[in-house]
Amino acid sequence: MNLATFEPWGLIDLLRRDLDELAGRRLGAAVPADRHVVSDWVPAIDIVEEKDRFVLRADVPGVNPEDIEISMEKGVLTVAGERRDEKREEFDGLKRLERVTGRFRRRFALPEAADADNITARTANGILEVTIPKQPEVQPRRITVQAA
């Protein structure tokens, strides 16, 4: 018989650690080397299904197209990138930073109708548009039965 230890406060400790890390990053503190951060921010994404394609539109203002990576593996589309921090001069007094910088990663399971070989992407005015064409539908074929 296997025994499992139940630690109800363990989840709260994990949440507290993650919130402390997020607050520290926003204030400019370094992230510990043993922690691997997957996403620093999450861009808003709309997914639209049209007659012959799926269109994914992501808000990525300030992200260079060279810093965006789109990959497709085993039916999962991954959109990742990084918005780099611009050089800022510090002045005496209050400093307020509201624009989040850093890495992002979003993953989407695509339906079987998606044509993974013909996915295209382009960016304009801070909007990334990924076009995923649909495969042509296979029409059922009627097979006639011949008498012997």
Protein backbone atom coordinates (compact mmCIF):
# COMPACT_ATOMS: atom_id res chain seq x y z
CA MET A 1 0.00 0.00 0.00
CA ASN A 2 1.37 3.41 -1.01
CA LEU A 3 1.08 6.31 1.39
CA ALA A 4 0.96 9.92 0.27
CA THR A 5 1.69 12.87 2.48
CA PHE A 6 -0.98 15.55 2.38
CA GLU A 7 0.41 19.04 2.91
CA PRO A 8 -2.43 21.56 2.59
CA TRP A 9 -0.11 24.51 3.25
CA GLY A 10 2.31 23.41 0.54
CA LEU A 11 0.14 24.90 -2.19
CA ILE A 12 -0.12 28.18 -0.32
CA ASP A 13 3.68 28.25 0.08
CA LEU A 14 4.09 27.72 -3.68
CA LEU A 15 1.63 30.53 -4.40
CA ARG A 16 3.39 32.86 -1.95
CA ARG A 17 6.79 32.06 -3.52
CA ASP A 18 5.48 32.74 -7.04
CA LEU A 19 3.86 36.01 -5.99
CA ASP A 20 7.05 37.12 -4.22
CA GLU A 21 9.06 36.29 -7.33
CA LEU A 22 6.65 38.19 -9.58
CA ALA A 23 6.72 41.24 -7.31
CA GLY A 24 10.52 41.10 -7.19
CA ARG A 25 10.79 40.92 -10.98
CA ARG A 26 8.52 43.93 -11.37
CA LEU A 27 10.73 45.87 -8.95
CA GLY A 28 13.88 44.86 -10.79
CA ALA A 29 15.12 42.07 -8.52
CA ALA A 30 17.00 39.18 -10.09
CA VAL A 31 15.28 35.82 -10.59
CA PRO A 32 17.13 32.98 -8.81
CA ALA A 33 19.27 30.91 -11.19
CA ASP A 34 17.56 27.67 -10.16
CA ARG A 35 14.13 28.92 -11.25
CA HIS A 36 13.07 28.52 -14.87
CA VAL A 37 10.39 31.06 -15.77
CA VAL A 38 8.16 30.04 -18.68
CA SER A 39 6.27 33.31 -19.13
CA ASP A 40 6.69 36.79 -17.74
CA TRP A 41 3.54 38.09 -19.42
CA VAL A 42 0.66 36.73 -21.49
CA PRO A 43 -0.47 38.46 -24.68
CA ALA A 44 -4.19 38.60 -25.40
CA ILE A 45 -5.09 36.26 -28.27
CA ASP A 46 -8.23 35.95 -30.40
CA ILE A 47 -8.91 32.80 -32.41
CA VAL A 48 -11.41 32.99 -35.25
CA GLU A 49 -12.66 30.10 -37.36
CA GLU A 50 -13.52 31.02 -40.91
CA LYS A 51 -14.84 28.87 -43.72
CA ASP A 52 -11.43 27.83 -45.04
CA ARG A 53 -9.00 28.74 -42.23
CA PHE A 54 -8.36 29.49 -38.58
CA VAL A 55 -6.90 32.90 -37.73
CA LEU A 56 -5.03 33.59 -34.51
CA ARG A 57 -4.44 37.27 -33.65
CA ALA A 58 -2.15 38.18 -30.76
CA ASP A 59 -1.46 41.58 -29.21
CA VAL A 60 2.33 41.82 -29.16
CA PRO A 61 3.16 45.54 -29.20
CA GLY A 62 6.84 46.27 -28.82
CA VAL A 63 7.90 42.74 -29.78
CA ASN A 64 10.26 42.53 -32.76
CA PRO A 65 9.26 39.89 -35.34
CA GLU A 66 12.76 38.39 -34.94
CA ASP A 67 11.92 37.73 -31.27
CA ILE A 68 8.79 35.68 -32.07
CA GLU A 69 8.96 31.93 -32.55
CA ILE A 70 6.05 29.87 -33.86
CA SER A 71 6.27 26.09 -33.93
CA MET A 72 3.96 23.18 -34.56
CA GLU A 73 4.46 19.75 -33.05
CA LYS A 74 2.03 16.86 -32.62
CA GLY A 75 -1.05 19.01 -33.20
CA VAL A 76 0.03 21.74 -30.77
CA LEU A 77 0.81 25.25 -32.01
CA THR A 78 3.25 27.17 -29.80
CA VAL A 79 3.65 30.94 -30.01
CA ALA A 80 6.56 32.26 -27.97
CA GLY A 81 8.59 35.43 -27.90
CA GLU A 82 10.16 38.15 -25.87
CA ARG A 83 9.58 41.84 -25.40
CA ARG A 84 12.92 43.35 -24.48
CA ASP A 85 13.33 46.15 -21.99
CA GLU A 86 14.35 49.43 -23.51
CA LYS A 87 17.24 51.32 -21.98
CA ARG A 88 16.01 53.77 -19.40
CA GLU A 89 17.78 56.49 -17.53
CA GLU A 90 16.98 56.74 -13.86
CA PHE A 91 16.09 60.11 -12.47
CA ASP A 92 15.66 61.19 -8.88
CA GLY A 93 12.13 60.66 -7.73
CA LEU A 94 9.33 58.26 -8.51
CA LYS A 95 9.76 55.70 -11.28
CA ARG A 96 6.69 53.89 -12.57
CA LEU A 97 6.89 50.91 -14.93
CA GLU A 98 3.60 49.50 -16.16
CA ARG A 99 4.64 47.91 -19.45
CA VAL A 100 5.64 44.32 -18.81
CA THR A 101 8.75 43.00 -20.51
CA GLY A 102 10.16 39.52 -20.76
CA ARG A 103 9.22 36.20 -22.29
CA PHE A 104 5.82 34.81 -23.19
CA ARG A 105 4.61 31.41 -24.39
CA ARG A 106 1.11 30.32 -25.45
CA ARG A 107 0.14 26.84 -26.67
CA PHE A 108 -2.96 25.76 -28.57
CA ALA A 109 -4.20 22.32 -29.56
CA LEU A 110 -5.27 22.47 -33.19
CA PRO A 111 -8.18 20.47 -34.60
CA GLU A 112 -7.52 17.68 -37.07
CA ALA A 113 -8.84 19.90 -39.87
CA ALA A 114 -5.81 22.21 -39.53
CA ASP A 115 -3.22 22.04 -42.32
CA ALA A 116 0.01 22.20 -40.30
CA ASP A 117 2.24 22.32 -43.40
CA ASN A 118 0.85 25.63 -44.69
CA ILE A 119 0.74 27.82 -41.58
CA THR A 120 1.79 31.43 -42.21
CA ALA A 121 2.43 34.33 -39.86
CA ARG A 122 2.87 38.07 -40.20
CA THR A 123 2.95 41.05 -37.89
CA ALA A 124 1.78 44.63 -38.37
CA ASN A 125 1.12 47.45 -35.91
CA GLY A 126 1.76 45.24 -32.88
CA ILE A 127 -0.66 42.50 -34.00
CA LEU A 128 0.67 39.04 -34.83
CA GLU A 129 -1.61 37.18 -37.24
CA VAL A 130 -1.14 33.44 -37.67
CA THR A 131 -3.17 31.87 -40.47
CA ILE A 132 -3.84 28.14 -40.30
CA PRO A 133 -5.57 26.83 -43.43
CA LYS A 134 -8.04 23.99 -43.18
CA GLN A 135 -7.46 20.77 -45.05
CA PRO A 136 -10.00 20.03 -47.74
CA GLU A 137 -12.74 17.85 -46.39
CA VAL A 138 -12.67 14.29 -47.54
CA GLN A 139 -16.04 13.51 -49.05
CA PRO A 140 -17.43 10.07 -48.30
CA ARG A 141 -17.39 7.90 -51.37
CA ARG A 142 -20.14 5.45 -52.12
CA ILE A 143 -18.94 2.02 -53.16
CA THR A 144 -21.26 -0.06 -55.27
CA VAL A 145 -21.66 -3.71 -54.49
CA GLN A 146 -21.66 -5.99 -57.49
CA ALA A 147 -23.43 -9.29 -57.57
CA ALA A 148 -21.26 -12.32 -58.21
